[in-house]
Amino acid sequence: MPYRYLNFIKNSLIHVFNRGNNHMTLFRNLSDYKWVINRAQELEIEEKFWIPAYCLMPNHFHFYIKTKSDDEISKYFQRLQLAYAKYFNRKYYQSGHVFEGPFKSILVDDENYAIYLCKYIHLNPVKAKLVNKPEEWEFSNYGNVISQSQADFQVSLYGTYFRRLDEYADFVNDGIDEYKKVKQWLFD
């Protein structure tokens, strides 16, 4: 994977995503999902990033990150993808590309885009018909977001847009029907 230098200033909000090479399944079982989640948490601590929203789907992933310093995100996601590719190829006796290419990243500089992106990420498994409700998908942080204390919620990214936890949960659940409009708005 080519190394891309992407520097964002402190407190930048960035949507990072990628998918499996030829749309292949990236996460074949529970241990694959947990490997990425655990590694992302380790790298989050090391690299000074905060991850307000993430979702791992069978053939792709989304991370919504906030930088805590002027560090580059390239190193973070290049390390994550490279480490997972090595793990995956070793585990499944494969060789070659695991990801479609380098990760993609979008600077989130619009407040509406920011909160709708969280909704989009958290609704991914519902729209893929993997679960009926976003809290049923264990490979995203939606369950953590809606189960945190009210005090933690208020100081989080979500507390900037919603006063209470149930307001965010309603916002996401109301979005199940409008998912296609949100996806078009975010990516067109």
Protein backbone atom coordinates (compact mmCIF):
# COMPACT_ATOMS: atom_id res chain seq x y z
CA MET A 1 0.00 0.00 0.00
CA PRO A 2 1.44 3.36 -0.95
CA TYR A 3 2.02 5.67 1.96
CA ARG A 4 0.03 8.89 1.74
CA TYR A 5 0.93 11.87 3.89
CA LEU A 6 -2.28 13.42 5.15
CA ASN A 7 -1.86 16.01 7.83
CA PHE A 8 -4.81 17.52 9.59
CA ILE A 9 -4.63 20.12 12.30
CA LYS A 10 -5.62 19.42 15.91
CA ASN A 11 -9.36 18.77 16.38
CA SER A 12 -9.95 17.90 12.72
CA LEU A 13 -12.86 15.55 12.09
CA ILE A 14 -12.16 12.97 9.40
CA HIS A 15 -14.15 10.16 7.81
CA VAL A 16 -11.87 7.24 6.90
CA PHE A 17 -13.13 4.22 4.99
CA ASN A 18 -12.05 1.33 2.80
CA ARG A 19 -13.28 -2.02 1.56
CA GLY A 20 -11.99 -5.44 0.73
CA ASN A 21 -10.16 -6.05 -2.53
CA ASN A 22 -12.75 -6.96 -5.18
CA HIS A 23 -15.40 -6.41 -2.48
CA MET A 24 -14.22 -9.57 -0.70
CA THR A 25 -15.23 -10.30 2.87
CA LEU A 26 -12.71 -8.69 5.20
CA PHE A 27 -14.12 -10.02 8.45
CA ARG A 28 -15.00 -13.71 8.27
CA ASN A 29 -15.67 -14.36 11.93
CA LEU A 30 -15.85 -12.81 15.37
CA SER A 31 -12.10 -12.94 15.95
CA ASP A 32 -11.44 -10.92 12.77
CA TYR A 33 -13.77 -8.12 13.89
CA LYS A 34 -12.33 -8.12 17.40
CA TRP A 35 -8.77 -8.04 16.08
CA VAL A 36 -9.43 -4.77 14.24
CA ILE A 37 -11.41 -3.22 17.08
CA ASN A 38 -8.68 -4.05 19.62
CA ARG A 39 -5.89 -2.83 17.33
CA ALA A 40 -7.75 0.39 16.54
CA GLN A 41 -8.15 1.04 20.25
CA GLU A 42 -4.41 0.44 20.81
CA LEU A 43 -3.52 2.79 17.97
CA GLU A 44 -6.01 5.36 19.20
CA ILE A 45 -4.10 5.57 22.47
CA GLU A 46 -0.66 5.60 20.79
CA GLU A 47 -1.45 8.08 18.07
CA LYS A 48 -3.55 10.65 19.91
CA PHE A 49 -6.83 10.16 18.08
CA TRP A 50 -10.37 9.86 19.34
CA ILE A 51 -12.90 7.71 17.45
CA PRO A 52 -16.44 9.11 17.93
CA ALA A 53 -17.98 6.59 15.50
CA TYR A 54 -16.92 3.42 13.77
CA CYS A 55 -18.51 0.44 12.10
CA LEU A 56 -16.93 -2.70 10.71
CA MET A 57 -19.03 -4.36 8.03
CA PRO A 58 -18.27 -7.74 6.46
CA ASN A 59 -16.54 -6.19 3.43
CA HIS A 60 -15.69 -2.62 4.47
CA PHE A 61 -15.12 -0.28 7.40
CA HIS A 62 -15.87 3.29 8.46
CA PHE A 63 -14.01 5.27 11.09
CA TYR A 64 -14.95 8.80 12.07
CA ILE A 65 -12.00 10.25 13.93
CA LYS A 66 -11.08 13.45 15.68
CA THR A 67 -7.43 14.36 15.85
CA LYS A 68 -6.07 15.31 19.27
CA SER A 69 -2.87 16.78 17.84
CA ASP A 70 -1.35 17.79 14.52
CA ASP A 71 -0.30 14.18 13.86
CA GLU A 72 -0.88 12.71 10.45
CA ILE A 73 -3.60 10.12 10.07
CA SER A 74 -1.74 8.36 7.26
CA LYS A 75 0.57 6.52 9.63
CA TYR A 76 -2.32 5.40 11.81
CA PHE A 77 -4.45 3.85 9.08
CA GLN A 78 -1.54 2.57 7.05
CA ARG A 79 -0.34 0.67 10.13
CA LEU A 80 -3.84 -0.62 10.87
CA GLN A 81 -4.44 -1.85 7.32
CA LEU A 82 -0.98 -3.35 6.91
CA ALA A 83 -1.18 -5.18 10.23
CA TYR A 84 -4.65 -6.51 9.42
CA ALA A 85 -3.57 -7.62 5.93
CA LYS A 86 -0.68 -9.60 7.46
CA TYR A 87 -2.99 -11.12 10.06
CA PHE A 88 -5.65 -11.97 7.46
CA ASN A 89 -3.26 -13.49 4.91
CA ARG A 90 -1.53 -15.57 7.56
CA LYS A 91 -4.77 -16.78 9.11
CA TYR A 92 -6.45 -17.70 5.82
CA TYR A 93 -3.33 -18.93 3.97
CA GLN A 94 -3.61 -16.24 1.33
CA SER A 95 -1.30 -13.73 -0.26
CA GLY A 96 -1.79 -10.46 -2.05
CA HIS A 97 -3.98 -7.46 -1.49
CA VAL A 98 -6.59 -7.55 1.23
CA PHE A 99 -7.86 -4.00 0.76
CA GLU A 100 -9.06 -2.39 -2.45
CA GLY A 101 -6.33 0.22 -2.14
CA PRO A 102 -5.20 2.92 0.24
CA PHE A 103 -7.87 4.10 2.65
CA LYS A 104 -9.98 7.07 1.62
CA SER A 105 -10.39 10.08 3.87
CA ILE A 106 -12.70 13.08 3.84
CA LEU A 107 -12.25 16.14 6.03
CA VAL A 108 -15.53 16.84 7.84
CA ASP A 109 -15.87 20.59 7.94
CA ASP A 110 -19.64 20.98 7.99
CA GLU A 111 -21.64 20.55 11.22
CA ASN A 112 -24.59 18.91 9.47
CA TYR A 113 -22.27 16.53 7.66
CA ALA A 114 -20.65 15.59 10.97
CA ILE A 115 -23.76 14.35 12.74
CA TYR A 116 -25.31 12.81 9.62
CA LEU A 117 -22.07 10.93 9.08
CA CYS A 118 -22.43 9.37 12.55
CA LYS A 119 -25.99 8.39 11.64
CA TYR A 120 -24.84 6.91 8.33
CA ILE A 121 -22.05 4.92 9.99
CA HIS A 122 -24.29 3.60 12.75
CA LEU A 123 -27.08 2.64 10.32
CA ASN A 124 -24.80 0.71 7.95
CA PRO A 125 -25.59 -2.76 9.37
CA VAL A 126 -29.35 -2.02 9.43
CA LYS A 127 -29.36 -1.00 5.79
CA ALA A 128 -27.34 -4.08 4.87
CA LYS A 129 -30.07 -6.11 6.63
CA LEU A 130 -27.57 -7.67 9.02
CA VAL A 131 -29.60 -6.47 12.03
CA ASN A 132 -32.94 -4.76 12.65
CA LYS A 133 -31.61 -2.07 15.01
CA PRO A 134 -28.19 -0.40 15.10
CA GLU A 135 -27.61 -1.41 18.75
CA GLU A 136 -27.78 -5.09 17.70
CA TRP A 137 -24.56 -4.78 15.64
CA GLU A 138 -21.66 -5.49 17.97
CA PHE A 139 -19.00 -4.28 15.54
CA SER A 140 -19.80 -0.58 15.81
CA ASN A 141 -19.69 1.77 18.76
CA TYR A 142 -23.37 2.75 18.58
CA GLY A 143 -24.20 0.64 21.64
CA ASN A 144 -21.42 2.36 23.59
CA VAL A 145 -22.65 5.80 22.53
CA ILE A 146 -26.24 5.27 23.66
CA SER A 147 -25.31 3.47 26.88
CA GLN A 148 -22.77 5.97 28.23
CA SER A 149 -23.60 8.20 31.16
CA GLN A 150 -25.44 11.44 30.47
CA ALA A 151 -22.40 13.39 31.72
CA ASP A 152 -20.06 11.59 29.31
CA PHE A 153 -22.57 12.07 26.50
CA GLN A 154 -22.74 15.82 27.07
CA VAL A 155 -18.96 16.28 26.77
CA SER A 156 -18.71 14.02 23.70
CA LEU A 157 -19.08 15.04 20.07
CA TYR A 158 -22.73 13.99 20.28
CA GLY A 159 -23.40 16.36 23.17
CA THR A 160 -22.57 19.23 20.82
CA TYR A 161 -25.68 18.41 18.78
CA PHE A 162 -28.05 16.71 21.25
CA ARG A 163 -28.91 17.43 24.87
CA ARG A 164 -29.82 13.88 25.79
CA LEU A 165 -28.85 10.35 24.77
CA ASP A 166 -32.37 9.45 23.69
CA GLU A 167 -32.38 12.41 21.27
CA TYR A 168 -29.44 10.90 19.40
CA ALA A 169 -31.01 7.43 19.49
CA ASP A 170 -34.25 8.89 18.05
CA PHE A 171 -32.26 10.77 15.40
CA VAL A 172 -30.57 7.55 14.28
CA ASN A 173 -33.69 5.40 14.42
CA ASP A 174 -35.72 7.99 12.52
CA GLY A 175 -33.02 7.78 9.86
CA ILE A 176 -33.67 4.16 9.00
CA ASP A 177 -36.21 5.30 6.39
CA GLU A 178 -34.17 8.20 5.08
CA TYR A 179 -30.87 6.32 4.80
CA LYS A 180 -30.66 6.56 1.00
CA LYS A 181 -31.10 10.35 1.10
CA VAL A 182 -28.39 10.64 3.76
CA LYS A 183 -25.99 8.44 1.77
CA GLN A 184 -26.55 10.51 -1.38
CA TRP A 185 -26.05 13.78 0.51
CA LEU A 186 -22.84 12.58 2.13
CA PHE A 187 -21.15 11.07 -0.91
CA ASP A 188 -22.45 12.98 -3.97
